[in-house]
Amino acid sequence: LDLFADELELHGLPEVDREPWDHLPSE
């Protein structure tokens, strides 16, 4: 859903950049 909202903006949404890509979030 974050990606869906991000795709609606040409340059993305800063609000969805909450997790570094190389960090695997735990439960």
PDB file of all heavy atoms in Angstrom:
ATOM      1  N   LEU A   1       0.830  -1.208   0.000  1.00  0.00           N
ATOM      2  CA  LEU A   1       0.000   0.000   0.000  1.00  0.00           C
ATOM      3  C   LEU A   1       0.864   1.257   0.000  1.00  0.00           C
ATOM      4  O   LEU A   1       0.516   2.270  -0.624  1.00  0.00           O
ATOM      5  CB  LEU A   1      -0.957  -0.011   1.194  1.00  0.00           C
ATOM      6  CG  LEU A   1      -2.046  -1.098   1.139  1.00  0.00           C
ATOM      7  CD1 LEU A   1      -2.922  -1.033   2.374  1.00  0.00           C
ATOM      8  CD2 LEU A   1      -2.882  -0.971  -0.120  1.00  0.00           C
ATOM      9  N   ASP A   2       1.999   1.196   0.697  1.00  0.00           N
ATOM     10  CA  ASP A   2       2.946   2.311   0.630  1.00  0.00           C
ATOM     11  C   ASP A   2       3.438   2.501  -0.810  1.00  0.00           C
ATOM     12  O   ASP A   2       3.548   3.623  -1.307  1.00  0.00           O
ATOM     13  CB  ASP A   2       4.142   2.048   1.542  1.00  0.00           C
ATOM     14  CG  ASP A   2       3.839   2.328   3.011  1.00  0.00           C
ATOM     15  OD1 ASP A   2       2.765   2.890   3.299  1.00  0.00           O
ATOM     16  OD2 ASP A   2       4.674   1.970   3.861  1.00  0.00           O
ATOM     17  N   LEU A   3       3.744   1.387  -1.472  1.00  0.00           N
ATOM     18  CA  LEU A   3       4.229   1.454  -2.853  1.00  0.00           C
ATOM     19  C   LEU A   3       3.143   1.997  -3.776  1.00  0.00           C
ATOM     20  O   LEU A   3       3.430   2.781  -4.691  1.00  0.00           O
ATOM     21  CB  LEU A   3       4.688   0.074  -3.315  1.00  0.00           C
ATOM     22  CG  LEU A   3       5.218  -0.021  -4.749  1.00  0.00           C
ATOM     23  CD1 LEU A   3       6.448   0.870  -4.932  1.00  0.00           C
ATOM     24  CD2 LEU A   3       5.564  -1.472  -5.104  1.00  0.00           C
ATOM     25  N   PHE A   4       1.904   1.597  -3.544  1.00  0.00           N
ATOM     26  CA  PHE A   4       0.781   2.116  -4.326  1.00  0.00           C
ATOM     27  C   PHE A   4       0.722   3.646  -4.224  1.00  0.00           C
ATOM     28  O   PHE A   4       0.642   4.351  -5.236  1.00  0.00           O
ATOM     29  CB  PHE A   4      -0.524   1.492  -3.821  1.00  0.00           C
ATOM     30  CG  PHE A   4      -1.767   2.157  -4.317  1.00  0.00           C
ATOM     31  CD1 PHE A   4      -2.247   1.895  -5.585  1.00  0.00           C
ATOM     32  CD2 PHE A   4      -2.456   3.063  -3.519  1.00  0.00           C
ATOM     33  CE1 PHE A   4      -3.403   2.529  -6.057  1.00  0.00           C
ATOM     34  CE2 PHE A   4      -3.606   3.700  -3.978  1.00  0.00           C
ATOM     35  CZ  PHE A   4      -4.076   3.424  -5.252  1.00  0.00           C
ATOM     36  N   ALA A   5       0.771   4.152  -3.010  1.00  0.00           N
ATOM     37  CA  ALA A   5       0.729   5.601  -2.818  1.00  0.00           C
ATOM     38  C   ALA A   5       1.959   6.263  -3.432  1.00  0.00           C
ATOM     39  O   ALA A   5       1.875   7.350  -4.008  1.00  0.00           O
ATOM     40  CB  ALA A   5       0.634   5.922  -1.329  1.00  0.00           C
ATOM     41  N   ASP A   6       3.105   5.606  -3.315  1.00  0.00           N
ATOM     42  CA  ASP A   6       4.356   6.143  -3.846  1.00  0.00           C
ATOM     43  C   ASP A   6       4.291   6.265  -5.371  1.00  0.00           C
ATOM     44  O   ASP A   6       4.791   7.225  -5.956  1.00  0.00           O
ATOM     45  CB  ASP A   6       5.515   5.223  -3.433  1.00  0.00           C
ATOM     46  CG  ASP A   6       6.863   5.899  -3.555  1.00  0.00           C
ATOM     47  OD1 ASP A   6       7.115   6.847  -2.796  1.00  0.00           O
ATOM     48  OD2 ASP A   6       7.659   5.476  -4.416  1.00  0.00           O
ATOM     49  N   GLU A   7       3.661   5.282  -6.018  1.00  0.00           N
ATOM     50  CA  GLU A   7       3.579   5.295  -7.477  1.00  0.00           C
ATOM     51  C   GLU A   7       2.703   6.429  -7.994  1.00  0.00           C
ATOM     52  O   GLU A   7       2.825   6.837  -9.152  1.00  0.00           O
ATOM     53  CB  GLU A   7       3.022   3.953  -7.981  1.00  0.00           C
ATOM     54  CG  GLU A   7       3.991   2.776  -7.881  1.00  0.00           C
ATOM     55  CD  GLU A   7       5.049   2.789  -8.965  1.00  0.00           C
ATOM     56  OE1 GLU A   7       5.230   3.836  -9.627  1.00  0.00           O
ATOM     57  OE2 GLU A   7       5.721   1.757  -9.136  1.00  0.00           O
ATOM     58  N   LEU A   8       1.826   6.945  -7.157  1.00  0.00           N
ATOM     59  CA  LEU A   8       0.963   8.042  -7.591  1.00  0.00           C
ATOM     60  C   LEU A   8       1.708   9.368  -7.681  1.00  0.00           C
ATOM     61  O   LEU A   8       1.181  10.344  -8.202  1.00  0.00           O
ATOM     62  CB  LEU A   8      -0.229   8.197  -6.637  1.00  0.00           C
ATOM     63  CG  LEU A   8      -1.272   7.076  -6.708  1.00  0.00           C
ATOM     64  CD1 LEU A   8      -2.318   7.259  -5.620  1.00  0.00           C
ATOM     65  CD2 LEU A   8      -1.926   7.031  -8.076  1.00  0.00           C
ATOM     66  N   GLU A   9       2.930   9.402  -7.157  1.00  0.00           N
ATOM     67  CA  GLU A   9       3.747  10.611  -7.206  1.00  0.00           C
ATOM     68  C   GLU A   9       4.964  10.362  -8.088  1.00  0.00           C
ATOM     69  O   GLU A   9       5.655   9.351  -7.921  1.00  0.00           O
ATOM     70  CB  GLU A   9       4.200  11.013  -5.804  1.00  0.00           C
ATOM     71  CG  GLU A   9       3.053  11.317  -4.849  1.00  0.00           C
ATOM     72  CD  GLU A   9       2.317  12.587  -5.226  1.00  0.00           C
ATOM     73  OE1 GLU A   9       2.927  13.459  -5.881  1.00  0.00           O
ATOM     74  OE2 GLU A   9       1.132  12.697  -4.870  1.00  0.00           O
ATOM     75  N   LEU A  10       5.224  11.264  -9.017  1.00  0.00           N
ATOM     76  CA  LEU A  10       6.350  11.084  -9.931  1.00  0.00           C
ATOM     77  C   LEU A  10       7.655  10.870  -9.181  1.00  0.00           C
ATOM     78  O   LEU A  10       8.495  10.062  -9.580  1.00  0.00           O
ATOM     79  CB  LEU A  10       6.484  12.296 -10.853  1.00  0.00           C
ATOM     80  CG  LEU A  10       5.520  12.357 -12.043  1.00  0.00           C
ATOM     81  CD1 LEU A  10       5.700  13.664 -12.783  1.00  0.00           C
ATOM     82  CD2 LEU A  10       5.735  11.180 -12.980  1.00  0.00           C
ATOM     83  N   HIS A  11       7.851  11.608  -8.099  1.00  0.00           N
ATOM     84  CA  HIS A  11       9.115  11.535  -7.371  1.00  0.00           C
ATOM     85  C   HIS A  11       8.967  10.862  -6.015  1.00  0.00           C
ATOM     86  O   HIS A  11       9.858  10.958  -5.171  1.00  0.00           O
ATOM     87  CB  HIS A  11       9.705  12.939  -7.215  1.00  0.00           C
ATOM     88  CG  HIS A  11       9.909  13.645  -8.519  1.00  0.00           C
ATOM     89  ND1 HIS A  11      10.814  13.195  -9.459  1.00  0.00           N
ATOM     90  CD2 HIS A  11       9.301  14.724  -9.063  1.00  0.00           C
ATOM     91  CE1 HIS A  11      10.761  13.995 -10.525  1.00  0.00           C
ATOM     92  NE2 HIS A  11       9.860  14.922 -10.312  1.00  0.00           N
ATOM     93  N   GLY A  12       7.844  10.181  -5.799  1.00  0.00           N
ATOM     94  CA  GLY A  12       7.676   9.403  -4.577  1.00  0.00           C
ATOM     95  C   GLY A  12       7.213  10.236  -3.395  1.00  0.00           C
ATOM     96  O   GLY A  12       7.135  11.462  -3.448  1.00  0.00           O
ATOM     97  N   LEU A  13       6.904   9.525  -2.320  1.00  0.00           N
ATOM     98  CA  LEU A  13       6.439  10.153  -1.082  1.00  0.00           C
ATOM     99  C   LEU A  13       7.477   9.968   0.015  1.00  0.00           C
ATOM    100  O   LEU A  13       7.858   8.838   0.321  1.00  0.00           O
ATOM    101  CB  LEU A  13       5.118   9.508  -0.626  1.00  0.00           C
ATOM    102  CG  LEU A  13       3.874   9.819  -1.460  1.00  0.00           C
ATOM    103  CD1 LEU A  13       2.728   8.940  -1.004  1.00  0.00           C
ATOM    104  CD2 LEU A  13       3.507  11.286  -1.338  1.00  0.00           C
ATOM    105  N   PRO A  14       7.941  11.031   0.635  1.00  0.00           N
ATOM    106  CA  PRO A  14       8.916  10.886   1.725  1.00  0.00           C
ATOM    107  C   PRO A  14       8.366  10.065   2.885  1.00  0.00           C
ATOM    108  O   PRO A  14       9.111   9.401   3.595  1.00  0.00           O
ATOM    109  CB  PRO A  14       9.206  12.316   2.161  1.00  0.00           C
ATOM    110  CG  PRO A  14       8.561  13.215   1.185  1.00  0.00           C
ATOM    111  CD  PRO A  14       7.627  12.434   0.337  1.00  0.00           C
ATOM    112  N   GLU A  15       7.029  10.082   3.073  1.00  0.00           N
ATOM    113  CA  GLU A  15       6.440   9.390   4.228  1.00  0.00           C
ATOM    114  C   GLU A  15       6.618   7.878   4.172  1.00  0.00           C
ATOM    115  O   GLU A  15       6.531   7.195   5.187  1.00  0.00           O
ATOM    116  CB  GLU A  15       4.943   9.710   4.329  1.00  0.00           C
ATOM    117  CG  GLU A  15       4.599  11.183   4.467  1.00  0.00           C
ATOM    118  CD  GLU A  15       4.502  11.862   3.108  1.00  0.00           C
ATOM    119  OE1 GLU A  15       3.939  11.287   2.159  1.00  0.00           O
ATOM    120  OE2 GLU A  15       5.045  12.974   2.998  1.00  0.00           O
ATOM    121  N   VAL A  16       6.851   7.327   2.966  1.00  0.00           N
ATOM    122  CA  VAL A  16       6.965   5.872   2.868  1.00  0.00           C
ATOM    123  C   VAL A  16       8.406   5.401   3.053  1.00  0.00           C
ATOM    124  O   VAL A  16       8.664   4.206   3.111  1.00  0.00           O
ATOM    125  CB  VAL A  16       6.415   5.351   1.521  1.00  0.00           C
ATOM    126  CG1 VAL A  16       4.986   5.798   1.319  1.00  0.00           C
ATOM    127  CG2 VAL A  16       7.298   5.777   0.361  1.00  0.00           C
ATOM    128  N   ASP A  17       9.344   6.336   3.133  1.00  0.00           N
ATOM    129  CA  ASP A  17      10.752   5.958   3.271  1.00  0.00           C
ATOM    130  C   ASP A  17      11.101   5.732   4.735  1.00  0.00           C
ATOM    131  O   ASP A  17      11.968   6.398   5.303  1.00  0.00           O
ATOM    132  CB  ASP A  17      11.661   7.042   2.671  1.00  0.00           C
ATOM    133  CG  ASP A  17      11.676   6.982   1.155  1.00  0.00           C
ATOM    134  OD1 ASP A  17      11.382   5.909   0.613  1.00  0.00           O
ATOM    135  OD2 ASP A  17      11.985   8.000   0.534  1.00  0.00           O
ATOM    136  N   ARG A  18      10.451   4.765   5.363  1.00  0.00           N
ATOM    137  CA  ARG A  18      10.648   4.564   6.800  1.00  0.00           C
ATOM    138  C   ARG A  18      11.575   3.405   7.122  1.00  0.00           C
ATOM    139  O   ARG A  18      12.124   3.339   8.202  1.00  0.00           O
ATOM    140  CB  ARG A  18       9.291   4.342   7.480  1.00  0.00           C
ATOM    141  CG  ARG A  18       8.437   3.251   6.836  1.00  0.00           C
ATOM    142  CD  ARG A  18       7.091   3.125   7.500  1.00  0.00           C
ATOM    143  NE  ARG A  18       6.190   2.260   6.748  1.00  0.00           N
ATOM    144  CZ  ARG A  18       4.975   1.934   7.148  1.00  0.00           C
ATOM    145  NH1 ARG A  18       4.525   2.388   8.293  1.00  0.00           N
ATOM    146  NH2 ARG A  18       4.202   1.173   6.416  1.00  0.00           N
ATOM    147  N   GLU A  19      11.755   2.454   6.209  1.00  0.00           N
ATOM    148  CA  GLU A  19      12.575   1.276   6.495  1.00  0.00           C
ATOM    149  C   GLU A  19      13.710   1.163   5.483  1.00  0.00           C
ATOM    150  O   GLU A  19      13.451   1.059   4.279  1.00  0.00           O
ATOM    151  CB  GLU A  19      11.722  -0.002   6.446  1.00  0.00           C
ATOM    152  CG  GLU A  19      10.672  -0.072   7.544  1.00  0.00           C
ATOM    153  CD  GLU A  19       9.769  -1.293   7.380  1.00  0.00           C
ATOM    154  OE1 GLU A  19       9.786  -1.902   6.293  1.00  0.00           O
ATOM    155  OE2 GLU A  19       9.053  -1.626   8.327  1.00  0.00           O
ATOM    156  N   PRO A  20      14.971   1.189   5.921  1.00  0.00           N
ATOM    157  CA  PRO A  20      16.086   0.977   4.986  1.00  0.00           C
ATOM    158  C   PRO A  20      15.920  -0.346   4.253  1.00  0.00           C
ATOM    159  O   PRO A  20      15.497  -1.341   4.835  1.00  0.00           O
ATOM    160  CB  PRO A  20      17.319   0.968   5.900  1.00  0.00           C
ATOM    161  CG  PRO A  20      16.889   1.708   7.123  1.00  0.00           C
ATOM    162  CD  PRO A  20      15.432   1.413   7.297  1.00  0.00           C
ATOM    163  N   TRP A  21      16.286  -0.352   2.985  1.00  0.00           N
ATOM    164  CA  TRP A  21      15.992  -1.528   2.160  1.00  0.00           C
ATOM    165  C   TRP A  21      16.718  -2.782   2.634  1.00  0.00           C
ATOM    166  O   TRP A  21      16.240  -3.899   2.436  1.00  0.00           O
ATOM    167  CB  TRP A  21      16.327  -1.236   0.690  1.00  0.00           C
ATOM    168  CG  TRP A  21      17.806  -1.235   0.376  1.00  0.00           C
ATOM    169  CD1 TRP A  21      18.616  -0.155   0.317  1.00  0.00           C
ATOM    170  CD2 TRP A  21      18.621  -2.357   0.050  1.00  0.00           C
ATOM    171  NE1 TRP A  21      19.897  -0.519  -0.009  1.00  0.00           N
ATOM    172  CE2 TRP A  21      19.926  -1.876  -0.182  1.00  0.00           C
ATOM    173  CE3 TRP A  21      18.404  -3.726  -0.066  1.00  0.00           C
ATOM    174  CZ2 TRP A  21      20.986  -2.707  -0.520  1.00  0.00           C
ATOM    175  CZ3 TRP A  21      19.459  -4.560  -0.405  1.00  0.00           C
ATOM    176  CH2 TRP A  21      20.733  -4.048  -0.630  1.00  0.00           C
ATOM    177  N   ASP A  22      17.899  -2.621   3.272  1.00  0.00           N
ATOM    178  CA  ASP A  22      18.658  -3.805   3.679  1.00  0.00           C
ATOM    179  C   ASP A  22      18.387  -4.199   5.129  1.00  0.00           C
ATOM    180  O   ASP A  22      19.130  -4.988   5.710  1.00  0.00           O
ATOM    181  CB  ASP A  22      20.155  -3.586   3.461  1.00  0.00           C
ATOM    182  CG  ASP A  22      20.689  -2.373   4.193  1.00  0.00           C
ATOM    183  OD1 ASP A  22      19.873  -1.607   4.741  1.00  0.00           O
ATOM    184  OD2 ASP A  22      21.911  -2.188   4.212  1.00  0.00           O
ATOM    185  N   HIS A  23      17.320  -3.653   5.715  1.00  0.00           N
ATOM    186  CA  HIS A  23      16.916  -4.060   7.059  1.00  0.00           C
ATOM    187  C   HIS A  23      15.676  -4.935   6.952  1.00  0.00           C
ATOM    188  O   HIS A  23      14.657  -4.522   6.386  1.00  0.00           O
ATOM    189  CB  HIS A  23      16.613  -2.838   7.929  1.00  0.00           C
ATOM    190  CG  HIS A  23      15.953  -3.177   9.234  1.00  0.00           C
ATOM    191  ND1 HIS A  23      16.578  -3.897  10.222  1.00  0.00           N
ATOM    192  CD2 HIS A  23      14.698  -2.907   9.698  1.00  0.00           C
ATOM    193  CE1 HIS A  23      15.758  -4.044  11.245  1.00  0.00           C
ATOM    194  NE2 HIS A  23      14.604  -3.462  10.951  1.00  0.00           N
ATOM    195  N   LEU A  24      15.757  -6.137   7.480  1.00  0.00           N
ATOM    196  CA  LEU A  24      14.627  -7.062   7.448  1.00  0.00           C
ATOM    197  C   LEU A  24      13.831  -6.892   8.737  1.00  0.00           C
ATOM    198  O   LEU A  24      14.284  -7.301   9.808  1.00  0.00           O
ATOM    199  CB  LEU A  24      15.115  -8.504   7.315  1.00  0.00           C
ATOM    200  CG  LEU A  24      14.024  -9.583   7.249  1.00  0.00           C
ATOM    201  CD1 LEU A  24      13.140  -9.366   6.033  1.00  0.00           C
ATOM    202  CD2 LEU A  24      14.654 -10.976   7.216  1.00  0.00           C
ATOM    203  N   PRO A  25      12.648  -6.254   8.685  1.00  0.00           N
ATOM    204  CA  PRO A  25      11.900  -6.015   9.917  1.00  0.00           C
ATOM    205  C   PRO A  25      11.376  -7.312  10.520  1.00  0.00           C
ATOM    206  O   PRO A  25      10.905  -8.198   9.810  1.00  0.00           O
ATOM    207  CB  PRO A  25      10.748  -5.113   9.449  1.00  0.00           C
ATOM    208  CG  PRO A  25      10.598  -5.391   7.993  1.00  0.00           C
ATOM    209  CD  PRO A  25      11.964  -5.735   7.496  1.00  0.00           C
ATOM    210  N   SER A  26      11.473  -7.405  11.843  1.00  0.00           N
ATOM    211  CA  SER A  26      10.953  -8.573  12.556  1.00  0.00           C
ATOM    212  C   SER A  26       9.449  -8.422  12.754  1.00  0.00           C
ATOM    213  O   SER A  26       8.860  -7.377  12.491  1.00  0.00           O
ATOM    214  CB  SER A  26      11.645  -8.705  13.913  1.00  0.00           C
ATOM    215  OG  SER A  26      11.308  -7.599  14.735  1.00  0.00           O
ATOM    216  N   GLU A  27       8.818  -9.486  13.259  1.00  0.00           N
ATOM    217  CA  GLU A  27       7.389  -9.413  13.552  1.00  0.00           C
ATOM    218  C   GLU A  27       7.114  -8.345  14.603  1.00  0.00           C
ATOM    219  O   GLU A  27       6.121  -7.614  14.523  1.00  0.00           O
ATOM    220  CB  GLU A  27       6.892 -10.770  14.036  1.00  0.00           C
ATOM    221  CG  GLU A  27       5.385 -10.849  14.224  1.00  0.00           C
ATOM    222  CD  GLU A  27       4.614 -10.621  12.925  1.00  0.00           C
ATOM    223  OE1 GLU A  27       5.129 -10.964  11.851  1.00  0.00           O
ATOM    224  OE2 GLU A  27       3.504 -10.064  12.993  1.00  0.00           O
TER     225      GLU A  27
END
